[in-house]
N, C-alpha and C. Protein backbone atom coordinates (compact mmCIF):
# COMPACT_ATOMS: atom_id res chain seq x y z
N MET A 1 0.86 -1.17 -0.01
CA MET A 1 -0.01 0.03 0.02
C MET A 1 0.89 1.26 0.05
N ALA A 2 0.57 2.16 -0.83
CA ALA A 2 1.45 3.36 -0.93
C ALA A 2 1.20 4.21 0.26
N SER A 3 2.17 5.04 0.57
CA SER A 3 2.07 5.98 1.69
C SER A 3 1.07 7.11 1.35
N LEU A 4 0.42 7.64 2.35
CA LEU A 4 -0.58 8.68 2.07
C LEU A 4 0.15 9.99 1.78
N PRO A 5 -0.40 10.79 0.88
CA PRO A 5 0.22 12.05 0.53
C PRO A 5 0.15 13.01 1.74
N SER A 6 1.18 13.83 1.86
CA SER A 6 1.26 14.71 3.04
C SER A 6 0.54 16.00 2.78
N THR A 7 -0.04 16.27 1.61
CA THR A 7 -0.77 17.52 1.40
C THR A 7 -2.05 17.47 2.13
N SER A 8 -2.53 18.60 2.56
CA SER A 8 -3.78 18.73 3.30
C SER A 8 -4.95 18.69 2.32
N VAL A 9 -5.99 18.11 2.78
CA VAL A 9 -7.25 17.98 1.94
C VAL A 9 -7.81 19.35 1.67
N PHE A 10 -7.54 20.38 2.55
CA PHE A 10 -8.10 21.68 2.45
C PHE A 10 -7.56 22.39 1.12
N THR A 11 -6.34 22.04 0.77
CA THR A 11 -5.73 22.69 -0.43
C THR A 11 -5.99 21.97 -1.71
N ALA A 12 -6.82 20.87 -1.67
CA ALA A 12 -7.06 20.07 -2.89
C ALA A 12 -7.86 20.87 -3.86
N PRO A 13 -7.59 20.76 -5.06
CA PRO A 13 -8.42 21.51 -6.13
C PRO A 13 -9.78 20.85 -6.18
N PRO A 14 -10.73 21.64 -6.65
CA PRO A 14 -12.10 21.12 -6.78
C PRO A 14 -12.04 19.96 -7.87
N PRO A 15 -12.92 18.97 -7.73
CA PRO A 15 -12.87 17.86 -8.61
C PRO A 15 -13.28 18.27 -10.06
N PRO A 16 -12.56 17.82 -11.08
CA PRO A 16 -12.93 18.17 -12.48
C PRO A 16 -14.17 17.38 -12.91
N SER A 17 -14.87 17.83 -13.96
CA SER A 17 -16.04 17.20 -14.40
C SER A 17 -15.71 15.91 -15.11
N LEU A 18 -16.69 15.06 -15.24
CA LEU A 18 -16.49 13.76 -15.96
C LEU A 18 -16.08 13.95 -17.43
N PRO A 19 -15.21 13.14 -17.91
CA PRO A 19 -14.83 13.25 -19.33
C PRO A 19 -15.96 12.80 -20.16
N MET A 20 -16.15 13.56 -21.34
CA MET A 20 -17.15 13.21 -22.28
C MET A 20 -16.60 12.24 -23.34
N GLY A 21 -15.39 12.22 -23.55
CA GLY A 21 -14.79 11.42 -24.56
C GLY A 21 -14.42 9.98 -24.02
N PRO A 22 -13.47 9.32 -24.65
CA PRO A 22 -13.07 8.01 -24.15
C PRO A 22 -12.46 8.11 -22.81
N VAL A 23 -12.65 7.11 -22.02
CA VAL A 23 -12.14 7.00 -20.65
C VAL A 23 -10.67 6.53 -20.74
N ARG A 24 -9.85 7.05 -19.83
CA ARG A 24 -8.40 6.71 -19.76
C ARG A 24 -8.29 5.16 -19.56
N SER A 25 -7.01 4.72 -19.76
CA SER A 25 -6.75 3.30 -19.60
C SER A 25 -6.92 2.82 -18.14
N SER A 26 -7.23 1.59 -18.05
CA SER A 26 -7.53 1.00 -16.74
C SER A 26 -6.40 1.10 -15.67
N PRO A 27 -5.10 0.78 -16.00
CA PRO A 27 -4.06 0.82 -14.93
C PRO A 27 -4.05 2.25 -14.28
N HIS A 28 -4.15 3.33 -15.04
CA HIS A 28 -4.10 4.62 -14.46
C HIS A 28 -5.34 4.91 -13.68
N LEU A 29 -6.48 4.46 -14.08
CA LEU A 29 -7.72 4.64 -13.39
C LEU A 29 -7.68 3.94 -12.07
N VAL A 30 -7.12 2.73 -12.08
CA VAL A 30 -7.12 1.92 -10.84
C VAL A 30 -6.11 2.63 -9.83
N ASP A 31 -4.98 3.13 -10.35
CA ASP A 31 -4.11 3.85 -9.45
C ASP A 31 -4.75 5.12 -8.88
N GLU A 32 -5.47 5.79 -9.74
CA GLU A 32 -6.16 7.00 -9.27
C GLU A 32 -7.27 6.70 -8.32
N LEU A 33 -7.95 5.57 -8.58
CA LEU A 33 -9.06 5.20 -7.59
C LEU A 33 -8.47 4.86 -6.26
N GLU A 34 -7.32 4.23 -6.31
CA GLU A 34 -6.66 3.84 -4.99
C GLU A 34 -6.22 5.13 -4.25
N ALA A 35 -5.63 6.04 -5.07
CA ALA A 35 -5.16 7.36 -4.41
C ALA A 35 -6.36 8.09 -3.86
N THR A 36 -7.44 8.18 -4.58
CA THR A 36 -8.57 8.95 -4.06
C THR A 36 -9.23 8.23 -2.89
N PHE A 37 -9.21 6.95 -2.81
CA PHE A 37 -9.67 6.25 -1.69
C PHE A 37 -8.88 6.51 -0.46
N GLU A 38 -7.51 6.50 -0.65
CA GLU A 38 -6.56 6.80 0.47
C GLU A 38 -6.78 8.25 0.89
N ALA A 39 -7.06 9.15 -0.01
CA ALA A 39 -7.32 10.55 0.36
C ALA A 39 -8.61 10.63 1.19
N CYS A 40 -9.60 9.82 0.83
CA CYS A 40 -10.88 9.80 1.59
C CYS A 40 -10.58 9.37 3.01
N CYS A 41 -9.85 8.29 3.14
CA CYS A 41 -9.54 7.76 4.45
C CYS A 41 -8.71 8.73 5.20
N ALA A 42 -7.75 9.35 4.54
CA ALA A 42 -6.84 10.29 5.19
C ALA A 42 -7.63 11.55 5.69
N SER A 43 -8.63 11.95 4.93
CA SER A 43 -9.43 13.14 5.29
C SER A 43 -10.21 12.83 6.55
N LEU A 44 -10.62 11.61 6.75
CA LEU A 44 -11.40 11.29 7.92
C LEU A 44 -10.62 11.18 9.24
N VAL A 45 -9.28 10.90 9.09
CA VAL A 45 -8.42 10.76 10.27
C VAL A 45 -7.32 11.80 10.31
N SER A 46 -7.42 12.84 9.54
CA SER A 46 -6.38 13.86 9.40
C SER A 46 -6.25 14.63 10.71
N GLN A 47 -5.01 14.95 11.06
CA GLN A 47 -4.76 15.80 12.26
C GLN A 47 -5.34 17.19 12.07
N ASP A 48 -5.38 17.65 10.82
CA ASP A 48 -6.05 18.96 10.53
C ASP A 48 -7.43 19.04 11.06
N TYR A 49 -8.17 17.87 10.89
CA TYR A 49 -9.61 17.86 11.33
C TYR A 49 -9.71 17.68 12.81
N VAL A 50 -8.77 16.92 13.38
CA VAL A 50 -8.82 16.70 14.83
C VAL A 50 -8.64 17.97 15.57
N ASN A 51 -7.67 18.79 15.08
CA ASN A 51 -7.36 20.05 15.73
C ASN A 51 -8.21 21.21 15.39
N SER A 52 -9.03 21.05 14.31
CA SER A 52 -9.84 22.12 13.79
C SER A 52 -11.19 22.16 14.55
N THR A 53 -11.71 23.38 14.70
CA THR A 53 -12.96 23.57 15.39
C THR A 53 -14.02 24.02 14.39
N ASP A 54 -13.68 24.34 13.19
CA ASP A 54 -14.57 24.83 12.20
C ASP A 54 -15.25 23.66 11.51
N GLN A 55 -16.46 23.26 11.88
CA GLN A 55 -17.16 22.13 11.32
C GLN A 55 -17.45 22.27 9.85
N GLU A 56 -17.69 23.47 9.40
CA GLU A 56 -18.00 23.66 7.94
C GLU A 56 -16.72 23.33 7.18
N GLU A 57 -15.55 23.77 7.63
CA GLU A 57 -14.28 23.45 6.93
C GLU A 57 -14.04 21.96 6.87
N ILE A 58 -14.32 21.27 7.94
CA ILE A 58 -14.15 19.79 7.99
C ILE A 58 -15.11 19.17 7.00
N ARG A 59 -16.35 19.54 7.02
CA ARG A 59 -17.35 18.99 6.14
C ARG A 59 -17.02 19.24 4.67
N THR A 60 -16.55 20.42 4.33
CA THR A 60 -16.18 20.71 2.92
C THR A 60 -15.03 19.86 2.44
N GLY A 61 -14.02 19.69 3.35
CA GLY A 61 -12.84 18.91 2.96
C GLY A 61 -13.22 17.44 2.75
N VAL A 62 -14.03 16.87 3.61
CA VAL A 62 -14.47 15.50 3.47
C VAL A 62 -15.35 15.29 2.23
N GLU A 63 -16.25 16.26 2.03
CA GLU A 63 -17.19 16.17 0.86
C GLU A 63 -16.32 16.23 -0.44
N GLN A 64 -15.27 17.08 -0.48
CA GLN A 64 -14.46 17.14 -1.66
C GLN A 64 -13.71 15.78 -1.94
N ALA A 65 -13.18 15.23 -0.87
CA ALA A 65 -12.48 13.92 -1.05
C ALA A 65 -13.41 12.83 -1.46
N VAL A 66 -14.54 12.81 -0.91
CA VAL A 66 -15.56 11.74 -1.22
C VAL A 66 -16.09 11.92 -2.65
N SER A 67 -16.37 13.18 -3.00
CA SER A 67 -16.94 13.41 -4.40
C SER A 67 -15.84 13.10 -5.44
N ARG A 68 -14.57 13.36 -5.12
CA ARG A 68 -13.48 12.97 -6.07
C ARG A 68 -13.36 11.44 -6.21
N PHE A 69 -13.50 10.72 -5.10
CA PHE A 69 -13.50 9.32 -5.14
C PHE A 69 -14.68 8.75 -5.94
N ILE A 70 -15.85 9.29 -5.76
CA ILE A 70 -17.07 8.87 -6.44
C ILE A 70 -16.86 9.13 -7.98
N GLU A 71 -16.28 10.29 -8.30
CA GLU A 71 -16.08 10.60 -9.68
C GLU A 71 -15.12 9.62 -10.38
N VAL A 72 -14.01 9.25 -9.69
CA VAL A 72 -13.07 8.26 -10.27
C VAL A 72 -13.69 6.88 -10.29
N ALA A 73 -14.46 6.55 -9.36
CA ALA A 73 -15.20 5.22 -9.33
C ALA A 73 -16.15 5.18 -10.52
N ARG A 74 -16.81 6.25 -10.86
CA ARG A 74 -17.67 6.30 -12.04
C ARG A 74 -16.88 6.12 -13.30
N GLN A 75 -15.69 6.75 -13.36
CA GLN A 75 -14.88 6.56 -14.53
C GLN A 75 -14.42 5.10 -14.69
N VAL A 76 -14.01 4.52 -13.55
CA VAL A 76 -13.72 3.00 -13.64
C VAL A 76 -14.88 2.23 -14.13
N GLU A 77 -16.08 2.50 -13.58
CA GLU A 77 -17.27 1.79 -13.98
C GLU A 77 -17.49 1.99 -15.51
N MET A 78 -17.38 3.24 -15.99
CA MET A 78 -17.54 3.59 -17.43
C MET A 78 -16.55 2.82 -18.26
N PHE A 79 -15.36 2.72 -17.81
CA PHE A 79 -14.25 1.94 -18.51
C PHE A 79 -14.77 0.50 -18.73
N PHE A 80 -15.21 -0.14 -17.63
CA PHE A 80 -15.65 -1.55 -17.74
C PHE A 80 -16.90 -1.68 -18.59
N LEU A 81 -17.85 -0.71 -18.50
CA LEU A 81 -19.02 -0.77 -19.34
C LEU A 81 -18.63 -0.63 -20.84
N GLN A 82 -17.64 0.20 -21.13
CA GLN A 82 -17.20 0.36 -22.51
C GLN A 82 -16.61 -0.94 -23.01
N LYS A 83 -15.77 -1.58 -22.15
CA LYS A 83 -15.17 -2.83 -22.52
C LYS A 83 -16.21 -3.89 -22.77
N ARG A 84 -17.23 -3.88 -21.86
CA ARG A 84 -18.36 -4.84 -22.02
C ARG A 84 -19.09 -4.60 -23.36
N LEU A 85 -19.32 -3.32 -23.71
CA LEU A 85 -19.96 -3.06 -24.96
C LEU A 85 -19.14 -3.45 -26.17
N GLN A 86 -17.83 -3.25 -26.05
CA GLN A 86 -16.94 -3.70 -27.14
C GLN A 86 -17.00 -5.24 -27.37
N LEU A 87 -17.00 -5.89 -26.20
CA LEU A 87 -17.06 -7.36 -26.25
C LEU A 87 -18.38 -7.85 -26.80
N SER A 88 -19.48 -7.17 -26.39
CA SER A 88 -20.78 -7.66 -26.87
C SER A 88 -20.93 -7.41 -28.41
N SER A 89 -20.36 -6.34 -28.87
CA SER A 89 -20.43 -6.14 -30.33
C SER A 89 -19.50 -7.02 -31.16
N SER A 90 -18.33 -7.36 -30.56
CA SER A 90 -17.39 -8.25 -31.33
C SER A 90 -17.74 -9.73 -31.14
N ARG A 91 -18.18 -10.07 -29.95
CA ARG A 91 -18.42 -11.56 -29.62
C ARG A 91 -19.80 -11.68 -28.92
N PRO A 92 -20.89 -11.54 -29.62
CA PRO A 92 -22.22 -11.65 -28.99
C PRO A 92 -22.45 -13.03 -28.44
N ASP A 93 -21.79 -14.09 -28.98
CA ASP A 93 -22.01 -15.45 -28.50
C ASP A 93 -21.53 -15.54 -27.06
N LEU A 94 -20.55 -14.86 -26.63
CA LEU A 94 -20.10 -14.93 -25.25
C LEU A 94 -21.14 -14.46 -24.27
N LEU A 95 -21.81 -13.32 -24.65
CA LEU A 95 -22.90 -12.83 -23.79
C LEU A 95 -24.03 -13.81 -23.68
N VAL A 96 -24.40 -14.41 -24.79
CA VAL A 96 -25.45 -15.42 -24.76
C VAL A 96 -25.08 -16.62 -23.95
N ARG A 97 -23.84 -17.03 -24.09
CA ARG A 97 -23.39 -18.19 -23.29
C ARG A 97 -23.38 -17.84 -21.78
N GLU A 98 -22.90 -16.62 -21.46
CA GLU A 98 -22.95 -16.20 -20.03
C GLU A 98 -24.38 -16.17 -19.48
N GLU A 99 -25.30 -15.65 -20.28
CA GLU A 99 -26.71 -15.58 -19.89
C GLU A 99 -27.26 -16.96 -19.65
N VAL A 100 -26.95 -17.92 -20.58
CA VAL A 100 -27.43 -19.32 -20.38
C VAL A 100 -26.87 -19.92 -19.15
N ASN A 101 -25.61 -19.70 -18.86
CA ASN A 101 -24.96 -20.27 -17.65
C ASN A 101 -25.67 -19.67 -16.38
N ASP A 102 -25.94 -18.38 -16.38
CA ASP A 102 -26.61 -17.76 -15.27
C ASP A 102 -28.03 -18.33 -15.07
N LEU A 103 -28.74 -18.56 -16.20
CA LEU A 103 -30.08 -19.12 -16.08
C LEU A 103 -30.07 -20.56 -15.54
N ARG A 104 -29.03 -21.33 -16.00
CA ARG A 104 -28.91 -22.70 -15.55
C ARG A 104 -28.58 -22.74 -14.08
N SER A 105 -27.74 -21.91 -13.60
CA SER A 105 -27.43 -21.92 -12.18
C SER A 105 -28.61 -21.44 -11.37
N GLU A 106 -29.38 -20.48 -11.86
CA GLU A 106 -30.57 -20.03 -11.14
C GLU A 106 -31.60 -21.16 -11.13
N LEU A 107 -31.76 -21.87 -12.22
CA LEU A 107 -32.68 -22.99 -12.24
C LEU A 107 -32.28 -24.08 -11.26
N GLN A 108 -30.95 -24.40 -11.21
CA GLN A 108 -30.52 -25.44 -10.23
C GLN A 108 -30.78 -24.97 -8.82
N ARG A 109 -30.60 -23.74 -8.51
CA ARG A 109 -30.80 -23.16 -7.14
C ARG A 109 -32.28 -23.29 -6.86
N LYS A 110 -33.15 -22.97 -7.76
CA LYS A 110 -34.55 -23.04 -7.49
C LYS A 110 -35.08 -24.45 -7.41
N GLU A 111 -34.51 -25.37 -8.19
CA GLU A 111 -34.88 -26.82 -8.09
C GLU A 111 -34.52 -27.36 -6.69
N ALA A 112 -33.31 -26.96 -6.20
CA ALA A 112 -32.91 -27.42 -4.86
C ALA A 112 -33.81 -26.87 -3.79
N LEU A 113 -34.19 -25.58 -4.01
CA LEU A 113 -35.13 -25.01 -3.03
C LEU A 113 -36.48 -25.71 -3.09
N LEU A 114 -36.96 -26.02 -4.19
CA LEU A 114 -38.23 -26.79 -4.35
C LEU A 114 -38.12 -28.21 -3.70
N ARG A 115 -36.97 -28.90 -3.87
CA ARG A 115 -36.79 -30.19 -3.21
C ARG A 115 -36.83 -30.03 -1.70
N ARG A 116 -36.18 -28.98 -1.22
CA ARG A 116 -36.21 -28.80 0.31
C ARG A 116 -37.65 -28.56 0.76
N HIS A 117 -38.36 -27.75 0.03
CA HIS A 117 -39.72 -27.49 0.44
C HIS A 117 -40.63 -28.74 0.32
N LEU A 118 -40.41 -29.50 -0.73
CA LEU A 118 -41.14 -30.70 -0.87
C LEU A 118 -40.87 -31.71 0.27
N ASP A 119 -39.62 -31.79 0.64
CA ASP A 119 -39.23 -32.72 1.79
C ASP A 119 -39.97 -32.21 3.04
N LYS A 120 -39.96 -30.91 3.28
CA LYS A 120 -40.61 -30.38 4.45
C LYS A 120 -42.15 -30.63 4.41
N LEU A 121 -42.72 -30.49 3.24
CA LEU A 121 -44.17 -30.76 3.09
C LEU A 121 -44.49 -32.26 3.35
N ARG A 122 -43.66 -33.13 2.88
CA ARG A 122 -43.83 -34.57 3.15
C ARG A 122 -43.81 -34.83 4.67
N ASN A 123 -42.73 -34.23 5.28
CA ASN A 123 -42.58 -34.43 6.73
C ASN A 123 -43.80 -33.93 7.51
N TRP A 124 -44.28 -32.74 7.10
CA TRP A 124 -45.45 -32.14 7.80
C TRP A 124 -46.69 -32.91 7.48
N SER A 125 -46.84 -33.42 6.30
CA SER A 125 -47.97 -34.21 5.94
C SER A 125 -48.03 -35.52 6.74
N THR A 126 -46.91 -36.12 6.91
CA THR A 126 -46.80 -37.34 7.68
C THR A 126 -47.15 -37.00 9.13
N GLU A 127 -46.62 -35.99 9.69
CA GLU A 127 -46.96 -35.64 11.04
C GLU A 127 -48.45 -35.40 11.20
N PHE A 128 -48.97 -34.63 10.27
CA PHE A 128 -50.41 -34.31 10.30
C PHE A 128 -51.25 -35.58 10.20
N ASP A 129 -50.92 -36.54 9.31
CA ASP A 129 -51.64 -37.81 9.14
C ASP A 129 -51.51 -38.57 10.43
N ASP A 130 -50.34 -38.61 11.08
CA ASP A 130 -50.20 -39.32 12.35
C ASP A 130 -51.01 -38.71 13.45
N LEU A 131 -51.12 -37.39 13.53
CA LEU A 131 -51.88 -36.76 14.57
C LEU A 131 -53.36 -36.92 14.28
N HIS A 132 -53.78 -36.88 13.01
CA HIS A 132 -55.17 -36.96 12.60
C HIS A 132 -55.70 -38.38 12.83
N SER A 133 -54.90 -39.37 12.54
CA SER A 133 -55.35 -40.75 12.68
C SER A 133 -55.35 -41.25 14.12
N GLY A 134 -54.80 -40.47 15.04
CA GLY A 134 -54.75 -40.84 16.44
C GLY A 134 -53.78 -41.76 16.82
N SER A 135 -52.90 -42.25 15.89
CA SER A 135 -51.83 -43.09 16.26
C SER A 135 -50.69 -42.30 16.89
N ALA A 136 -49.86 -42.97 17.59
CA ALA A 136 -48.74 -42.29 18.27
C ALA A 136 -47.79 -41.88 17.14
N PRO A 137 -47.48 -40.59 17.15
CA PRO A 137 -46.61 -40.01 16.12
C PRO A 137 -45.20 -40.54 16.27
N GLN A 138 -44.60 -40.85 15.23
CA GLN A 138 -43.20 -41.26 15.15
C GLN A 138 -42.32 -40.08 14.83
N PRO A 139 -41.27 -39.92 15.56
CA PRO A 139 -40.40 -38.68 15.22
C PRO A 139 -39.78 -38.80 13.85
N HIS A 140 -39.97 -37.81 13.10
CA HIS A 140 -39.39 -37.75 11.72
C HIS A 140 -38.22 -36.70 11.66
N LEU A 141 -37.73 -36.37 12.76
CA LEU A 141 -36.73 -35.32 12.78
C LEU A 141 -35.34 -35.95 12.90
N THR A 142 -34.39 -35.36 12.22
CA THR A 142 -33.04 -35.82 12.27
C THR A 142 -32.41 -35.44 13.57
N HIS A 143 -31.26 -36.02 13.89
CA HIS A 143 -30.55 -35.66 15.10
C HIS A 143 -30.13 -34.22 15.12
N GLN A 144 -29.74 -33.67 13.97
CA GLN A 144 -29.34 -32.31 13.92
C GLN A 144 -30.60 -31.40 14.21
N GLN A 145 -31.74 -31.76 13.68
CA GLN A 145 -32.89 -30.99 13.96
C GLN A 145 -33.31 -31.01 15.45
N LEU A 146 -33.17 -32.20 16.01
CA LEU A 146 -33.50 -32.31 17.46
C LEU A 146 -32.57 -31.50 18.34
N THR A 147 -31.33 -31.50 17.93
CA THR A 147 -30.36 -30.81 18.84
C THR A 147 -30.42 -29.31 18.63
N SER A 148 -30.91 -28.85 17.50
CA SER A 148 -30.96 -27.40 17.22
C SER A 148 -32.25 -26.82 17.84
N MET A 149 -33.23 -27.64 18.23
CA MET A 149 -34.48 -27.12 18.79
C MET A 149 -34.21 -26.58 20.18
N PRO A 150 -34.84 -25.43 20.52
CA PRO A 150 -34.66 -24.94 21.91
C PRO A 150 -35.32 -25.82 22.95
N HIS A 151 -36.45 -26.43 22.70
CA HIS A 151 -37.09 -27.39 23.61
C HIS A 151 -37.48 -28.63 22.87
N PRO A 152 -37.36 -29.78 23.44
CA PRO A 152 -37.68 -31.01 22.76
C PRO A 152 -39.22 -31.06 22.49
N PRO A 153 -39.59 -31.68 21.35
CA PRO A 153 -40.98 -31.83 21.05
C PRO A 153 -41.72 -32.66 22.13
N PRO A 154 -42.97 -32.43 22.35
CA PRO A 154 -43.68 -33.15 23.46
C PRO A 154 -43.76 -34.64 23.32
N HIS A 155 -43.72 -35.21 22.03
CA HIS A 155 -43.86 -36.63 21.90
C HIS A 155 -42.54 -37.34 22.07
N ILE A 156 -41.43 -36.71 22.42
CA ILE A 156 -40.14 -37.30 22.56
C ILE A 156 -39.83 -37.38 24.08
N GLY A 157 -39.35 -38.43 24.55
CA GLY A 157 -38.95 -38.52 25.98
C GLY A 157 -39.94 -39.48 26.69
N PRO A 158 -39.67 -39.72 28.03
CA PRO A 158 -40.48 -40.67 28.80
C PRO A 158 -41.91 -40.17 28.87
N THR A 159 -42.88 -41.12 28.78
CA THR A 159 -44.28 -40.75 28.73
C THR A 159 -44.82 -40.61 30.14
N SER A 160 -44.16 -41.11 31.21
CA SER A 160 -44.69 -40.96 32.54
C SER A 160 -44.48 -39.61 33.13
N MET A 161 -43.67 -38.73 32.53
CA MET A 161 -43.42 -37.43 33.10
C MET A 161 -44.53 -36.50 32.76
N ALA A 162 -45.03 -35.73 33.65
CA ALA A 162 -46.07 -34.78 33.43
C ALA A 162 -45.48 -33.47 32.93
N HIS A 163 -46.30 -32.71 32.21
CA HIS A 163 -45.85 -31.43 31.67
C HIS A 163 -45.61 -30.48 32.87
N PRO A 164 -44.53 -29.72 32.83
CA PRO A 164 -44.16 -28.83 33.97
C PRO A 164 -45.32 -27.85 34.37
N SER A 165 -46.10 -27.47 33.44
CA SER A 165 -47.13 -26.53 33.75
C SER A 165 -48.32 -27.13 34.51
N THR A 166 -48.45 -28.48 34.35
CA THR A 166 -49.61 -29.20 34.99
C THR A 166 -49.20 -29.94 36.23
N SER A 167 -47.93 -29.89 36.64
CA SER A 167 -47.43 -30.62 37.76
C SER A 167 -47.98 -30.07 39.09
N HIS A 168 -48.34 -28.81 39.15
CA HIS A 168 -48.92 -28.30 40.43
C HIS A 168 -50.41 -28.64 40.57
N MET A 169 -51.06 -29.24 39.56
CA MET A 169 -52.49 -29.54 39.64
C MET A 169 -52.67 -30.93 40.29
N ARG A 170 -51.73 -31.71 40.57
CA ARG A 170 -51.84 -33.06 41.14
C ARG A 170 -52.28 -32.99 42.56
């Protein structure tokens, strides 16, 4: 990590406007983005601000550093959007392939979610059928589910023990 510049944020020139033409090359933009980020961080912990009592001066300096960082971040974003546009015009098949892969992964994720919900529905249906038929319900919970529960279900454990809330009624 490069050392922070020793110049005060108060003497920084106002940020220039966004370029209307082509964006500069990526290595220079990345270096500039890093430098503006470091300037933002430096403006927040600067001794000039710690010793200063003028809140408006502090606010102005921080706002200038942050707006400069945002400006450079937008330039980086524009650079990548331009590269993406160039790629889409020269190799449209890559974009289609990427979209197909995204859709496949989303479909797999949703199918897994549906399987989990279906398993839960089957478990609840079995529990409901057991309770509705009047037969003693069989535990359908895994060991992990049992240990993660805050209180054990009422049908698990010795049957001769009374419920704690009814023990005073004997």
